[in-house]
Amino acid sequence: MATEDRGFASMDRKRQRDIASKGGKAAHKKGAAHEWTREEAQAAGRKGGLARHRKPLAAPPAADDSSSTGDESSSPPA
């Protein structure tokens, strides 16, 4: 059996949704499911929106060999 043929991710979307739905219903019936408050939902939505629109950070500038020697890096090259 190939690795691609195993597990939840390899199932078709409908089968995944059916299994997840059963788990959610069972958790609610047991009383262990999380119930979102209005404030929690707003905070989560805000956080997701900020993450979605965040610009990627630029890579830090490369350090050259002369900067690691201390005082010599502040004086101009001779």
N, C-alpha and C. Protein backbone atom coordinates (compact mmCIF):
# COMPACT_ATOMS: atom_id res chain seq x y z
N MET A 1 0.85 -1.18 0.00
CA MET A 1 0.00 0.00 0.00
C MET A 1 0.90 1.24 0.00
N ALA A 2 0.65 2.14 -0.92
CA ALA A 2 1.43 3.36 -1.00
C ALA A 2 1.01 4.33 0.10
N THR A 3 1.92 5.21 0.49
CA THR A 3 1.64 6.17 1.56
C THR A 3 0.53 7.13 1.15
N GLU A 4 0.43 7.44 -0.14
CA GLU A 4 -0.59 8.38 -0.62
C GLU A 4 -2.00 7.82 -0.47
N ASP A 5 -2.11 6.49 -0.34
CA ASP A 5 -3.43 5.85 -0.28
C ASP A 5 -3.98 5.73 1.14
N ARG A 6 -3.26 6.31 2.12
CA ARG A 6 -3.68 6.15 3.51
C ARG A 6 -4.06 7.50 4.12
N GLY A 7 -4.88 7.44 5.13
CA GLY A 7 -5.13 8.61 5.96
C GLY A 7 -6.28 9.50 5.52
N PHE A 8 -6.56 10.43 6.40
CA PHE A 8 -7.69 11.34 6.25
C PHE A 8 -7.54 12.26 5.03
N ALA A 9 -6.32 12.75 4.80
CA ALA A 9 -6.10 13.70 3.71
C ALA A 9 -6.27 13.08 2.34
N SER A 10 -6.12 11.77 2.23
CA SER A 10 -6.25 11.12 0.93
C SER A 10 -7.71 10.83 0.57
N MET A 11 -8.62 11.00 1.52
CA MET A 11 -10.05 10.73 1.25
C MET A 11 -10.64 11.87 0.43
N ASP A 12 -11.74 11.56 -0.25
CA ASP A 12 -12.42 12.63 -0.99
C ASP A 12 -13.10 13.58 0.01
N ARG A 13 -13.36 14.79 -0.43
CA ARG A 13 -13.88 15.85 0.45
C ARG A 13 -15.20 15.46 1.13
N LYS A 14 -16.09 14.79 0.43
CA LYS A 14 -17.38 14.42 1.02
C LYS A 14 -17.18 13.47 2.20
N ARG A 15 -16.30 12.49 2.02
CA ARG A 15 -16.04 11.53 3.11
C ARG A 15 -15.42 12.24 4.31
N GLN A 16 -14.49 13.18 4.06
CA GLN A 16 -13.89 13.95 5.15
C GLN A 16 -14.94 14.74 5.91
N ARG A 17 -15.84 15.40 5.18
CA ARG A 17 -16.89 16.19 5.81
C ARG A 17 -17.83 15.32 6.64
N ASP A 18 -18.16 14.14 6.14
CA ASP A 18 -19.03 13.22 6.88
C ASP A 18 -18.39 12.82 8.21
N ILE A 19 -17.12 12.46 8.17
CA ILE A 19 -16.42 12.04 9.39
C ILE A 19 -16.31 13.20 10.37
N ALA A 20 -15.94 14.39 9.88
CA ALA A 20 -15.80 15.55 10.75
C ALA A 20 -17.15 15.95 11.36
N SER A 21 -18.20 15.82 10.59
CA SER A 21 -19.54 16.14 11.08
C SER A 21 -19.93 15.23 12.24
N LYS A 22 -19.63 13.95 12.10
CA LYS A 22 -19.94 13.00 13.18
C LYS A 22 -19.16 13.36 14.45
N GLY A 23 -17.91 13.75 14.28
CA GLY A 23 -17.11 14.13 15.44
C GLY A 23 -17.65 15.37 16.13
N GLY A 24 -18.06 16.35 15.35
CA GLY A 24 -18.63 17.57 15.91
C GLY A 24 -19.94 17.32 16.64
N LYS A 25 -20.78 16.49 16.05
CA LYS A 25 -22.06 16.16 16.70
C LYS A 25 -21.84 15.41 18.01
N ALA A 26 -20.87 14.50 18.01
CA ALA A 26 -20.57 13.73 19.22
C ALA A 26 -20.04 14.65 20.32
N ALA A 27 -19.18 15.60 19.95
CA ALA A 27 -18.62 16.52 20.94
C ALA A 27 -19.70 17.40 21.55
N HIS A 28 -20.64 17.87 20.73
CA HIS A 28 -21.74 18.69 21.25
C HIS A 28 -22.64 17.87 22.18
N LYS A 29 -22.90 16.63 21.78
CA LYS A 29 -23.75 15.76 22.60
C LYS A 29 -23.10 15.48 23.95
N LYS A 30 -21.78 15.33 23.94
CA LYS A 30 -21.03 15.05 25.17
C LYS A 30 -20.88 16.31 26.03
N GLY A 31 -21.01 17.48 25.41
CA GLY A 31 -20.83 18.73 26.14
C GLY A 31 -19.40 19.23 26.14
N ALA A 32 -18.56 18.66 25.29
CA ALA A 32 -17.15 19.04 25.26
C ALA A 32 -16.82 20.00 24.13
N ALA A 33 -17.79 20.34 23.31
CA ALA A 33 -17.54 21.21 22.16
C ALA A 33 -17.42 22.66 22.62
N HIS A 34 -16.59 23.41 21.91
CA HIS A 34 -16.41 24.82 22.25
C HIS A 34 -17.53 25.65 21.63
N GLU A 35 -18.15 26.47 22.43
CA GLU A 35 -19.20 27.37 21.96
C GLU A 35 -18.60 28.78 21.92
N TRP A 36 -18.55 29.37 20.75
CA TRP A 36 -17.95 30.70 20.59
C TRP A 36 -18.86 31.78 21.14
N THR A 37 -18.28 32.73 21.87
CA THR A 37 -19.01 33.92 22.25
C THR A 37 -18.83 34.94 21.13
N ARG A 38 -19.63 35.97 21.14
CA ARG A 38 -19.53 37.01 20.12
C ARG A 38 -18.14 37.65 20.13
N GLU A 39 -17.62 37.90 21.32
CA GLU A 39 -16.31 38.56 21.46
C GLU A 39 -15.19 37.65 20.95
N GLU A 40 -15.26 36.37 21.26
CA GLU A 40 -14.24 35.42 20.78
C GLU A 40 -14.25 35.34 19.26
N ALA A 41 -15.43 35.28 18.68
CA ALA A 41 -15.55 35.19 17.23
C ALA A 41 -15.00 36.46 16.56
N GLN A 42 -15.29 37.61 17.13
CA GLN A 42 -14.78 38.86 16.57
C GLN A 42 -13.26 38.91 16.63
N ALA A 43 -12.70 38.51 17.78
CA ALA A 43 -11.25 38.54 17.94
C ALA A 43 -10.58 37.57 16.97
N ALA A 44 -11.15 36.39 16.78
CA ALA A 44 -10.58 35.41 15.86
C ALA A 44 -10.65 35.91 14.42
N GLY A 45 -11.75 36.51 14.06
CA GLY A 45 -11.89 37.06 12.71
C GLY A 45 -10.92 38.20 12.45
N ARG A 46 -10.75 39.04 13.45
CA ARG A 46 -9.80 40.15 13.33
C ARG A 46 -8.38 39.63 13.17
N LYS A 47 -8.02 38.65 13.97
CA LYS A 47 -6.68 38.07 13.92
C LYS A 47 -6.43 37.42 12.55
N GLY A 48 -7.41 36.71 12.04
CA GLY A 48 -7.27 36.09 10.72
C GLY A 48 -7.14 37.11 9.61
N GLY A 49 -7.90 38.19 9.72
CA GLY A 49 -7.81 39.24 8.71
C GLY A 49 -6.46 39.93 8.72
N LEU A 50 -5.91 40.14 9.90
CA LEU A 50 -4.60 40.76 9.99
C LEU A 50 -3.52 39.85 9.41
N ALA A 51 -3.61 38.57 9.71
CA ALA A 51 -2.62 37.62 9.20
C ALA A 51 -2.72 37.51 7.68
N ARG A 52 -3.89 37.57 7.14
CA ARG A 52 -4.10 37.44 5.69
C ARG A 52 -3.52 38.61 4.94
N HIS A 53 -3.57 39.80 5.52
CA HIS A 53 -3.14 41.00 4.81
C HIS A 53 -1.74 41.47 5.21
N ARG A 54 -1.07 40.71 6.04
CA ARG A 54 0.28 41.08 6.47
C ARG A 54 1.25 40.93 5.30
N LYS A 55 2.11 41.93 5.12
CA LYS A 55 3.12 41.86 4.08
C LYS A 55 4.28 41.01 4.59
N PRO A 56 4.90 40.22 3.70
CA PRO A 56 6.04 39.41 4.14
C PRO A 56 7.22 40.30 4.53
N LEU A 57 7.96 39.86 5.52
CA LEU A 57 9.11 40.64 5.96
C LEU A 57 10.26 40.47 4.98
N ALA A 58 11.01 41.55 4.77
CA ALA A 58 12.16 41.49 3.89
C ALA A 58 13.29 40.75 4.59
N ALA A 59 14.14 40.11 3.81
CA ALA A 59 15.28 39.39 4.38
C ALA A 59 16.27 40.40 4.95
N PRO A 60 16.90 40.08 6.08
CA PRO A 60 17.88 41.01 6.66
C PRO A 60 19.07 41.18 5.73
N PRO A 61 19.70 42.36 5.74
CA PRO A 61 20.84 42.57 4.85
C PRO A 61 21.99 41.63 5.22
N ALA A 62 22.72 41.21 4.21
CA ALA A 62 23.85 40.31 4.44
C ALA A 62 24.99 41.08 5.09
N ALA A 63 25.60 40.48 6.09
CA ALA A 63 26.72 41.12 6.78
C ALA A 63 28.01 40.76 6.06
N ASP A 64 28.89 41.78 5.83
CA ASP A 64 30.16 41.46 5.22
C ASP A 64 31.20 41.15 6.29
N ASP A 65 32.30 40.59 5.89
CA ASP A 65 33.31 40.10 6.83
C ASP A 65 33.92 41.22 7.67
N SER A 66 34.03 42.45 7.15
CA SER A 66 34.68 43.53 7.89
C SER A 66 33.87 44.00 9.08
N SER A 67 32.55 43.77 9.08
CA SER A 67 31.72 44.27 10.18
C SER A 67 31.90 43.46 11.46
N SER A 68 32.45 42.26 11.38
CA SER A 68 32.58 41.42 12.56
C SER A 68 33.88 41.67 13.32
N THR A 69 34.72 42.62 12.88
CA THR A 69 36.02 42.83 13.53
C THR A 69 35.99 43.91 14.59
N GLY A 70 34.89 44.58 14.81
CA GLY A 70 34.79 45.57 15.88
C GLY A 70 34.97 46.98 15.40
N ASP A 71 35.95 47.73 15.98
CA ASP A 71 36.17 49.14 15.69
C ASP A 71 36.55 49.40 14.23
N GLU A 72 37.18 48.48 13.58
CA GLU A 72 37.65 48.68 12.22
C GLU A 72 36.50 48.89 11.24
N SER A 73 35.31 48.39 11.59
CA SER A 73 34.18 48.53 10.67
C SER A 73 33.66 49.95 10.60
N SER A 74 33.91 50.77 11.63
CA SER A 74 33.39 52.14 11.60
C SER A 74 34.30 53.09 10.84
N SER A 75 35.56 52.73 10.60
CA SER A 75 36.46 53.61 9.86
C SER A 75 36.42 53.24 8.38
N PRO A 76 36.62 54.23 7.49
CA PRO A 76 36.58 53.96 6.05
C PRO A 76 37.77 53.09 5.65
N PRO A 77 37.61 52.30 4.61
CA PRO A 77 38.72 51.45 4.16
C PRO A 77 39.89 52.29 3.65
N ALA A 78 41.11 51.84 3.84
CA ALA A 78 42.31 52.60 3.43
C ALA A 78 42.68 52.38 2.00
